[in-house]
Amino acid sequence: MGFVLVAKWTAKEGQGDAVQDALERLAVPSRDEPGCRFYQPCRDPENPDAFLIFEIYDDQAAFEAHGASEHFQEIAVGGAFDLLESRERTFYETL
């Protein structure tokens, strides 16, 4: 089974492009993580402040390693999170 995260981010007004930039910079090193099976950020074409990030990891430990990674700490925690109005996370397991 895979450990799945669906994250919904809403940028503060006027910060959508900066959030997109952060997600684009985060995607490549996240996809290169050993336990990452899939990492795809998306932007709503009708609401440029709304983002969805779909992620699949081998297991919860791989997901936790992603959260502790230097690139996530720098780009997301140390930057993008400050640009967000809201952030929601929902977890699933693949069938």
PDB file of N, CA and C in Angstrom:
ATOM      1  N   MET A   1       0.835  -1.194   0.000  1.00  0.00           N
ATOM      2  CA  MET A   1       0.000   0.000   0.000  1.00  0.00           C
ATOM      3  C   MET A   1       0.869   1.243   0.000  1.00  0.00           C
ATOM      4  N   GLY A   2       0.344   2.293  -0.571  1.00  0.00           N
ATOM      5  CA  GLY A   2       1.023   3.569  -0.561  1.00  0.00           C
ATOM      6  C   GLY A   2       0.365   4.520   0.417  1.00  0.00           C
ATOM      7  N   PHE A   3       1.134   5.427   0.940  1.00  0.00           N
ATOM      8  CA  PHE A   3       0.654   6.466   1.850  1.00  0.00           C
ATOM      9  C   PHE A   3       0.407   7.716   1.014  1.00  0.00           C
ATOM     10  N   VAL A   4      -0.816   8.211   1.006  1.00  0.00           N
ATOM     11  CA  VAL A   4      -1.221   9.302   0.113  1.00  0.00           C
ATOM     12  C   VAL A   4      -1.565  10.549   0.921  1.00  0.00           C
ATOM     13  N   LEU A   5      -1.099  11.682   0.418  1.00  0.00           N
ATOM     14  CA  LEU A   5      -1.475  12.975   0.962  1.00  0.00           C
ATOM     15  C   LEU A   5      -2.094  13.807  -0.145  1.00  0.00           C
ATOM     16  N   VAL A   6      -3.251  14.392   0.159  1.00  0.00           N
ATOM     17  CA  VAL A   6      -3.851  15.401  -0.703  1.00  0.00           C
ATOM     18  C   VAL A   6      -3.844  16.690   0.114  1.00  0.00           C
ATOM     19  N   ALA A   7      -3.059  17.649  -0.343  1.00  0.00           N
ATOM     20  CA  ALA A   7      -2.948  18.925   0.362  1.00  0.00           C
ATOM     21  C   ALA A   7      -3.607  20.016  -0.474  1.00  0.00           C
ATOM     22  N   LYS A   8      -4.357  20.873   0.189  1.00  0.00           N
ATOM     23  CA  LYS A   8      -4.977  22.028  -0.470  1.00  0.00           C
ATOM     24  C   LYS A   8      -4.417  23.284   0.169  1.00  0.00           C
ATOM     25  N   TRP A   9      -3.825  24.104  -0.660  1.00  0.00           N
ATOM     26  CA  TRP A   9      -3.257  25.363  -0.209  1.00  0.00           C
ATOM     27  C   TRP A   9      -4.024  26.511  -0.859  1.00  0.00           C
ATOM     28  N   THR A  10      -4.317  27.530  -0.082  1.00  0.00           N
ATOM     29  CA  THR A  10      -4.886  28.762  -0.615  1.00  0.00           C
ATOM     30  C   THR A  10      -3.919  29.886  -0.306  1.00  0.00           C
ATOM     31  N   ALA A  11      -3.441  30.530  -1.352  1.00  0.00           N
ATOM     32  CA  ALA A  11      -2.489  31.633  -1.185  1.00  0.00           C
ATOM     33  C   ALA A  11      -3.205  32.880  -0.681  1.00  0.00           C
ATOM     34  N   LYS A  12      -2.477  33.683   0.059  1.00  0.00           N
ATOM     35  CA  LYS A  12      -2.984  35.008   0.413  1.00  0.00           C
ATOM     36  C   LYS A  12      -3.147  35.804  -0.877  1.00  0.00           C
ATOM     37  N   GLU A  13      -4.053  36.749  -0.850  1.00  0.00           N
ATOM     38  CA  GLU A  13      -4.313  37.548  -2.048  1.00  0.00           C
ATOM     39  C   GLU A  13      -3.015  38.144  -2.596  1.00  0.00           C
ATOM     40  N   GLY A  14      -2.806  37.944  -3.896  1.00  0.00           N
ATOM     41  CA  GLY A  14      -1.621  38.475  -4.564  1.00  0.00           C
ATOM     42  C   GLY A  14      -0.378  37.609  -4.444  1.00  0.00           C
ATOM     43  N   GLN A  15      -0.464  36.464  -3.756  1.00  0.00           N
ATOM     44  CA  GLN A  15       0.716  35.620  -3.536  1.00  0.00           C
ATOM     45  C   GLN A  15       0.705  34.335  -4.364  1.00  0.00           C
ATOM     46  N   GLY A  16      -0.277  34.166  -5.246  1.00  0.00           N
ATOM     47  CA  GLY A  16      -0.394  32.938  -6.026  1.00  0.00           C
ATOM     48  C   GLY A  16       0.837  32.609  -6.841  1.00  0.00           C
ATOM     49  N   ASP A  17       1.408  33.592  -7.507  1.00  0.00           N
ATOM     50  CA  ASP A  17       2.588  33.323  -8.337  1.00  0.00           C
ATOM     51  C   ASP A  17       3.789  32.914  -7.487  1.00  0.00           C
ATOM     52  N   ALA A  18       3.924  33.513  -6.321  1.00  0.00           N
ATOM     53  CA  ALA A  18       5.033  33.158  -5.430  1.00  0.00           C
ATOM     54  C   ALA A  18       4.853  31.736  -4.880  1.00  0.00           C
ATOM     55  N   VAL A  19       3.613  31.356  -4.593  1.00  0.00           N
ATOM     56  CA  VAL A  19       3.347  29.990  -4.128  1.00  0.00           C
ATOM     57  C   VAL A  19       3.633  29.006  -5.256  1.00  0.00           C
ATOM     58  N   GLN A  20       3.219  29.333  -6.476  1.00  0.00           N
ATOM     59  CA  GLN A  20       3.518  28.460  -7.610  1.00  0.00           C
ATOM     60  C   GLN A  20       5.022  28.279  -7.766  1.00  0.00           C
ATOM     61  N   ASP A  21       5.770  29.355  -7.666  1.00  0.00           N
ATOM     62  CA  ASP A  21       7.230  29.271  -7.774  1.00  0.00           C
ATOM     63  C   ASP A  21       7.793  28.335  -6.707  1.00  0.00           C
ATOM     64  N   ALA A  22       7.308  28.458  -5.481  1.00  0.00           N
ATOM     65  CA  ALA A  22       7.790  27.598  -4.400  1.00  0.00           C
ATOM     66  C   ALA A  22       7.468  26.131  -4.685  1.00  0.00           C
ATOM     67  N   LEU A  23       6.257  25.858  -5.157  1.00  0.00           N
ATOM     68  CA  LEU A  23       5.875  24.481  -5.460  1.00  0.00           C
ATOM     69  C   LEU A  23       6.697  23.904  -6.608  1.00  0.00           C
ATOM     70  N   GLU A  24       6.990  24.716  -7.594  1.00  0.00           N
ATOM     71  CA  GLU A  24       7.823  24.242  -8.702  1.00  0.00           C
ATOM     72  C   GLU A  24       9.236  23.918  -8.222  1.00  0.00           C
ATOM     73  N   ARG A  25       9.763  24.731  -7.311  1.00  0.00           N
ATOM     74  CA  ARG A  25      11.099  24.467  -6.772  1.00  0.00           C
ATOM     75  C   ARG A  25      11.097  23.260  -5.845  1.00  0.00           C
ATOM     76  N   LEU A  26       9.987  22.995  -5.193  1.00  0.00           N
ATOM     77  CA  LEU A  26       9.870  21.877  -4.268  1.00  0.00           C
ATOM     78  C   LEU A  26       9.665  20.551  -4.983  1.00  0.00           C
ATOM     79  N   ALA A  27       9.042  20.578  -6.157  1.00  0.00           N
ATOM     80  CA  ALA A  27       8.651  19.342  -6.842  1.00  0.00           C
ATOM     81  C   ALA A  27       9.839  18.451  -7.210  1.00  0.00           C
ATOM     82  N   VAL A  28      10.869  19.010  -7.806  1.00  0.00           N
ATOM     83  CA  VAL A  28      11.982  18.179  -8.295  1.00  0.00           C
ATOM     84  C   VAL A  28      12.687  17.436  -7.160  1.00  0.00           C
ATOM     85  N   PRO A  29      13.143  18.108  -6.108  1.00  0.00           N
ATOM     86  CA  PRO A  29      13.813  17.343  -5.049  1.00  0.00           C
ATOM     87  C   PRO A  29      12.864  16.405  -4.310  1.00  0.00           C
ATOM     88  N   SER A  30      11.583  16.751  -4.241  1.00  0.00           N
ATOM     89  CA  SER A  30      10.622  15.856  -3.589  1.00  0.00           C
ATOM     90  C   SER A  30      10.460  14.574  -4.389  1.00  0.00           C
ATOM     91  N   ARG A  31      10.377  14.703  -5.708  1.00  0.00           N
ATOM     92  CA  ARG A  31      10.238  13.516  -6.561  1.00  0.00           C
ATOM     93  C   ARG A  31      11.472  12.624  -6.502  1.00  0.00           C
ATOM     94  N   ASP A  32      12.621  13.207  -6.176  1.00  0.00           N
ATOM     95  CA  ASP A  32      13.865  12.443  -6.100  1.00  0.00           C
ATOM     96  C   ASP A  32      14.058  11.722  -4.759  1.00  0.00           C
ATOM     97  N   GLU A  33      13.178  11.948  -3.794  1.00  0.00           N
ATOM     98  CA  GLU A  33      13.304  11.290  -2.491  1.00  0.00           C
ATOM     99  C   GLU A  33      13.105   9.782  -2.664  1.00  0.00           C
ATOM    100  N   PRO A  34      13.865   8.964  -1.934  1.00  0.00           N
ATOM    101  CA  PRO A  34      13.779   7.511  -2.103  1.00  0.00           C
ATOM    102  C   PRO A  34      12.384   6.925  -1.935  1.00  0.00           C
ATOM    103  N   GLY A  35      11.579   7.415  -1.001  1.00  0.00           N
ATOM    104  CA  GLY A  35      10.263   6.833  -0.744  1.00  0.00           C
ATOM    105  C   GLY A  35       9.115   7.515  -1.460  1.00  0.00           C
ATOM    106  N   CYS A  36       9.414   8.475  -2.320  1.00  0.00           N
ATOM    107  CA  CYS A  36       8.363   9.204  -3.031  1.00  0.00           C
ATOM    108  C   CYS A  36       8.019   8.485  -4.328  1.00  0.00           C
ATOM    109  N   ARG A  37       6.766   8.101  -4.466  1.00  0.00           N
ATOM    110  CA  ARG A  37       6.298   7.453  -5.692  1.00  0.00           C
ATOM    111  C   ARG A  37       5.721   8.469  -6.676  1.00  0.00           C
ATOM    112  N   PHE A  38       5.116   9.538  -6.148  1.00  0.00           N
ATOM    113  CA  PHE A  38       4.442  10.519  -7.014  1.00  0.00           C
ATOM    114  C   PHE A  38       4.318  11.824  -6.248  1.00  0.00           C
ATOM    115  N   TYR A  39       4.579  12.928  -6.922  1.00  0.00           N
ATOM    116  CA  TYR A  39       4.462  14.258  -6.301  1.00  0.00           C
ATOM    117  C   TYR A  39       4.023  15.226  -7.388  1.00  0.00           C
ATOM    118  N   GLN A  40       2.785  15.697  -7.307  1.00  0.00           N
ATOM    119  CA  GLN A  40       2.270  16.563  -8.357  1.00  0.00           C
ATOM    120  C   GLN A  40       1.509  17.760  -7.785  1.00  0.00           C
ATOM    121  N   PRO A  41       2.116  18.946  -7.825  1.00  0.00           N
ATOM    122  CA  PRO A  41       1.377  20.150  -7.469  1.00  0.00           C
ATOM    123  C   PRO A  41       0.507  20.596  -8.651  1.00  0.00           C
ATOM    124  N   CYS A  42      -0.651  21.169  -8.340  1.00  0.00           N
ATOM    125  CA  CYS A  42      -1.598  21.641  -9.353  1.00  0.00           C
ATOM    126  C   CYS A  42      -2.120  23.014  -8.944  1.00  0.00           C
ATOM    127  N   ARG A  43      -2.488  23.817  -9.949  1.00  0.00           N
ATOM    128  CA  ARG A  43      -3.055  25.142  -9.692  1.00  0.00           C
ATOM    129  C   ARG A  43      -4.417  25.219 -10.361  1.00  0.00           C
ATOM    130  N   ASP A  44      -5.394  25.745  -9.663  1.00  0.00           N
ATOM    131  CA  ASP A  44      -6.753  25.877 -10.178  1.00  0.00           C
ATOM    132  C   ASP A  44      -6.780  26.964 -11.252  1.00  0.00           C
ATOM    133  N   PRO A  45      -7.155  26.628 -12.487  1.00  0.00           N
ATOM    134  CA  PRO A  45      -7.157  27.636 -13.554  1.00  0.00           C
ATOM    135  C   PRO A  45      -8.221  28.719 -13.366  1.00  0.00           C
ATOM    136  N   GLU A  46      -9.227  28.436 -12.540  1.00  0.00           N
ATOM    137  CA  GLU A  46     -10.290  29.422 -12.309  1.00  0.00           C
ATOM    138  C   GLU A  46     -10.060  30.238 -11.046  1.00  0.00           C
ATOM    139  N   ASN A  47      -9.185  29.770 -10.179  1.00  0.00           N
ATOM    140  CA  ASN A  47      -8.850  30.493  -8.954  1.00  0.00           C
ATOM    141  C   ASN A  47      -7.342  30.384  -8.766  1.00  0.00           C
ATOM    142  N   PRO A  48      -6.581  31.358  -9.252  1.00  0.00           N
ATOM    143  CA  PRO A  48      -5.114  31.252  -9.229  1.00  0.00           C
ATOM    144  C   PRO A  48      -4.486  31.272  -7.837  1.00  0.00           C
ATOM    145  N   ASP A  49      -5.305  31.433  -6.805  1.00  0.00           N
ATOM    146  CA  ASP A  49      -4.785  31.363  -5.441  1.00  0.00           C
ATOM    147  C   ASP A  49      -4.990  29.984  -4.819  1.00  0.00           C
ATOM    148  N   ALA A  50      -5.611  29.046  -5.565  1.00  0.00           N
ATOM    149  CA  ALA A  50      -5.912  27.713  -5.033  1.00  0.00           C
ATOM    150  C   ALA A  50      -4.990  26.659  -5.651  1.00  0.00           C
ATOM    151  N   PHE A  51      -4.411  25.844  -4.788  1.00  0.00           N
ATOM    152  CA  PHE A  51      -3.463  24.807  -5.196  1.00  0.00           C
ATOM    153  C   PHE A  51      -3.842  23.473  -4.565  1.00  0.00           C
ATOM    154  N   LEU A  52      -3.531  22.401  -5.289  1.00  0.00           N
ATOM    155  CA  LEU A  52      -3.699  21.051  -4.780  1.00  0.00           C
ATOM    156  C   LEU A  52      -2.381  20.326  -5.011  1.00  0.00           C
ATOM    157  N   ILE A  53      -1.909  19.631  -3.996  1.00  0.00           N
ATOM    158  CA  ILE A  53      -0.684  18.849  -4.122  1.00  0.00           C
ATOM    159  C   ILE A  53      -1.046  17.397  -3.826  1.00  0.00           C
ATOM    160  N   PHE A  54      -0.809  16.517  -4.800  1.00  0.00           N
ATOM    161  CA  PHE A  54      -1.118  15.097  -4.675  1.00  0.00           C
ATOM    162  C   PHE A  54       0.188  14.345  -4.548  1.00  0.00           C
ATOM    163  N   GLU A  55       0.337  13.594  -3.452  1.00  0.00           N
ATOM    164  CA  GLU A  55       1.595  12.932  -3.145  1.00  0.00           C
ATOM    165  C   GLU A  55       1.350  11.479  -2.762  1.00  0.00           C
ATOM    166  N   ILE A  56       2.214  10.594  -3.213  1.00  0.00           N
ATOM    167  CA  ILE A  56       2.166   9.193  -2.798  1.00  0.00           C
ATOM    168  C   ILE A  56       3.569   8.781  -2.356  1.00  0.00           C
ATOM    169  N   TYR A  57       3.632   8.171  -1.173  1.00  0.00           N
ATOM    170  CA  TYR A  57       4.890   7.697  -0.601  1.00  0.00           C
ATOM    171  C   TYR A  57       4.796   6.205  -0.337  1.00  0.00           C
ATOM    172  N   ASP A  58       5.934   5.551  -0.201  1.00  0.00           N
ATOM    173  CA  ASP A  58       5.950   4.119   0.097  1.00  0.00           C
ATOM    174  C   ASP A  58       5.210   3.811   1.393  1.00  0.00           C
ATOM    175  N   ASP A  59       5.385   4.672   2.381  1.00  0.00           N
ATOM    176  CA  ASP A  59       4.779   4.467   3.693  1.00  0.00           C
ATOM    177  C   ASP A  59       4.811   5.779   4.463  1.00  0.00           C
ATOM    178  N   GLN A  60       4.264   5.752   5.668  1.00  0.00           N
ATOM    179  CA  GLN A  60       4.219   6.968   6.476  1.00  0.00           C
ATOM    180  C   GLN A  60       5.616   7.465   6.829  1.00  0.00           C
ATOM    181  N   ALA A  61       6.550   6.550   7.027  1.00  0.00           N
ATOM    182  CA  ALA A  61       7.926   6.954   7.344  1.00  0.00           C
ATOM    183  C   ALA A  61       8.540   7.760   6.204  1.00  0.00           C
ATOM    184  N   ALA A  62       8.274   7.374   4.957  1.00  0.00           N
ATOM    185  CA  ALA A  62       8.783   8.130   3.803  1.00  0.00           C
ATOM    186  C   ALA A  62       8.148   9.512   3.746  1.00  0.00           C
ATOM    187  N   PHE A  63       6.858   9.596   4.074  1.00  0.00           N
ATOM    188  CA  PHE A  63       6.192  10.896   4.133  1.00  0.00           C
ATOM    189  C   PHE A  63       6.825  11.775   5.213  1.00  0.00           C
ATOM    190  N   GLU A  64       7.076  11.195   6.368  1.00  0.00           N
ATOM    191  CA  GLU A  64       7.690  11.958   7.457  1.00  0.00           C
ATOM    192  C   GLU A  64       9.103  12.406   7.094  1.00  0.00           C
ATOM    193  N   ALA A  65       9.835  11.570   6.360  1.00  0.00           N
ATOM    194  CA  ALA A  65      11.172  11.958   5.901  1.00  0.00           C
ATOM    195  C   ALA A  65      11.067  13.143   4.940  1.00  0.00           C
ATOM    196  N   HIS A  66      10.035  13.158   4.102  1.00  0.00           N
ATOM    197  CA  HIS A  66       9.810  14.297   3.201  1.00  0.00           C
ATOM    198  C   HIS A  66       9.627  15.575   4.019  1.00  0.00           C
ATOM    199  N   GLY A  67       8.781  15.507   5.051  1.00  0.00           N
ATOM    200  CA  GLY A  67       8.537  16.684   5.887  1.00  0.00           C
ATOM    201  C   GLY A  67       9.767  17.177   6.616  1.00  0.00           C
ATOM    202  N   ALA A  68      10.683  16.277   6.904  1.00  0.00           N
ATOM    203  CA  ALA A  68      11.914  16.644   7.611  1.00  0.00           C
ATOM    204  C   ALA A  68      13.046  17.028   6.666  1.00  0.00           C
ATOM    205  N   SER A  69      12.839  16.845   5.368  1.00  0.00           N
ATOM    206  CA  SER A  69      13.917  17.097   4.410  1.00  0.00           C
ATOM    207  C   SER A  69      14.326  18.569   4.388  1.00  0.00           C
ATOM    208  N   GLU A  70      15.586  18.779   4.033  1.00  0.00           N
ATOM    209  CA  GLU A  70      16.122  20.147   3.972  1.00  0.00           C
ATOM    210  C   GLU A  70      15.340  20.997   2.976  1.00  0.00           C
ATOM    211  N   HIS A  71      15.024  20.447   1.797  1.00  0.00           N
ATOM    212  CA  HIS A  71      14.314  21.236   0.791  1.00  0.00           C
ATOM    213  C   HIS A  71      12.900  21.588   1.241  1.00  0.00           C
ATOM    214  N   PHE A  72      12.198  20.671   1.923  1.00  0.00           N
ATOM    215  CA  PHE A  72      10.850  20.991   2.404  1.00  0.00           C
ATOM    216  C   PHE A  72      10.913  22.034   3.510  1.00  0.00           C
ATOM    217  N   GLN A  73      11.845  21.875   4.411  1.00  0.00           N
ATOM    218  CA  GLN A  73      11.983  22.841   5.504  1.00  0.00           C
ATOM    219  C   GLN A  73      12.312  24.234   4.973  1.00  0.00           C
ATOM    220  N   GLU A  74      13.187  24.305   3.989  1.00  0.00           N
ATOM    221  CA  GLU A  74      13.589  25.603   3.435  1.00  0.00           C
ATOM    222  C   GLU A  74      12.487  26.235   2.579  1.00  0.00           C
ATOM    223  N   ILE A  75      11.959  25.467   1.626  1.00  0.00           N
ATOM    224  CA  ILE A  75      11.043  26.043   0.635  1.00  0.00           C
ATOM    225  C   ILE A  75       9.621  26.179   1.168  1.00  0.00           C
ATOM    226  N   ALA A  76       9.124  25.150   1.850  1.00  0.00           N
ATOM    227  CA  ALA A  76       7.739  25.184   2.329  1.00  0.00           C
ATOM    228  C   ALA A  76       7.635  25.840   3.703  1.00  0.00           C
ATOM    229  N   VAL A  77       8.252  25.225   4.693  1.00  0.00           N
ATOM    230  CA  VAL A  77       8.141  25.735   6.065  1.00  0.00           C
ATOM    231  C   VAL A  77       8.757  27.129   6.187  1.00  0.00           C
ATOM    232  N   GLY A  78       9.922  27.322   5.588  1.00  0.00           N
ATOM    233  CA  GLY A  78      10.613  28.603   5.717  1.00  0.00           C
ATOM    234  C   GLY A  78      10.212  29.649   4.701  1.00  0.00           C
ATOM    235  N   GLY A  79       9.248  29.356   3.854  1.00  0.00           N
ATOM    236  CA  GLY A  79       8.873  30.324   2.817  1.00  0.00           C
ATOM    237  C   GLY A  79       7.412  30.271   2.436  1.00  0.00           C
ATOM    238  N   ALA A  80       7.009  29.219   1.743  1.00  0.00           N
ATOM    239  CA  ALA A  80       5.656  29.162   1.177  1.00  0.00           C
ATOM    240  C   ALA A  80       4.561  29.223   2.241  1.00  0.00           C
ATOM    241  N   PHE A  81       4.762  28.583   3.372  1.00  0.00           N
ATOM    242  CA  PHE A  81       3.711  28.577   4.395  1.00  0.00           C
ATOM    243  C   PHE A  81       3.332  29.993   4.820  1.00  0.00           C
ATOM    244  N   ASP A  82       4.283  30.902   4.820  1.00  0.00           N
ATOM    245  CA  ASP A  82       3.991  32.292   5.193  1.00  0.00           C
ATOM    246  C   ASP A  82       3.144  33.014   4.142  1.00  0.00           C
ATOM    247  N   LEU A  83       3.073  32.455   2.941  1.00  0.00           N
ATOM    248  CA  LEU A  83       2.310  33.058   1.848  1.00  0.00           C
ATOM    249  C   LEU A  83       0.886  32.530   1.774  1.00  0.00           C
ATOM    250  N   LEU A  84       0.540  31.608   2.677  1.00  0.00           N
ATOM    251  CA  LEU A  84      -0.753  30.935   2.598  1.00  0.00           C
ATOM    252  C   LEU A  84      -1.797  31.533   3.534  1.00  0.00           C
ATOM    253  N   GLU A  85      -3.009  31.583   3.006  1.00  0.00           N
ATOM    254  CA  GLU A  85      -4.178  31.944   3.818  1.00  0.00           C
ATOM    255  C   GLU A  85      -4.651  30.708   4.584  1.00  0.00           C
ATOM    256  N   SER A  86      -4.601  29.535   3.901  1.00  0.00           N
ATOM    257  CA  SER A  86      -5.011  28.293   4.554  1.00  0.00           C
ATOM    258  C   SER A  86      -4.256  27.117   3.950  1.00  0.00           C
ATOM    259  N   ARG A  87      -4.241  26.043   4.743  1.00  0.00           N
ATOM    260  CA  ARG A  87      -3.563  24.810   4.330  1.00  0.00           C
ATOM    261  C   ARG A  87      -4.314  23.639   4.946  1.00  0.00           C
ATOM    262  N   GLU A  88      -4.801  22.732   4.095  1.00  0.00           N
ATOM    263  CA  GLU A  88      -5.527  21.556   4.559  1.00  0.00           C
ATOM    264  C   GLU A  88      -4.797  20.309   4.091  1.00  0.00           C
ATOM    265  N   ARG A  89      -4.841  19.263   4.919  1.00  0.00           N
ATOM    266  CA  ARG A  89      -4.216  17.998   4.533  1.00  0.00           C
ATOM    267  C   ARG A  89      -5.180  16.855   4.817  1.00  0.00           C
ATOM    268  N   THR A  90      -5.281  15.929   3.863  1.00  0.00           N
ATOM    269  CA  THR A  90      -6.084  14.731   4.024  1.00  0.00           C
ATOM    270  C   THR A  90      -5.211  13.545   3.638  1.00  0.00           C
ATOM    271  N   PHE A  91      -5.252  12.497   4.442  1.00  0.00           N
ATOM    272  CA  PHE A  91      -4.409  11.324   4.214  1.00  0.00           C
ATOM    273  C   PHE A  91      -5.251  10.122   3.796  1.00  0.00           C
ATOM    274  N   TYR A  92      -4.672   9.316   2.917  1.00  0.00           N
ATOM    275  CA  TYR A  92      -5.324   8.118   2.403  1.00  0.00           C
ATOM    276  C   TYR A  92      -4.296   7.005   2.301  1.00  0.00           C
ATOM    277  N   GLU A  93      -4.776   5.783   2.035  1.00  0.00           N
ATOM    278  CA  GLU A  93      -3.925   4.661   1.670  1.00  0.00           C
ATOM    279  C   GLU A  93      -4.425   4.121   0.343  1.00  0.00           C
ATOM    280  N   THR A  94      -3.501   3.737  -0.536  1.00  0.00           N
ATOM    281  CA  THR A  94      -3.915   3.163  -1.811  1.00  0.00           C
ATOM    282  C   THR A  94      -4.531   1.787  -1.571  1.00  0.00           C
ATOM    283  N   LEU A  95      -5.379   1.382  -2.479  1.00  0.00           N
ATOM    284  CA  LEU A  95      -6.051   0.068  -2.399  1.00  0.00           C
ATOM    285  C   LEU A  95      -5.302  -0.956  -3.212  1.00  0.00           C
TER     286      LEU A  95
END
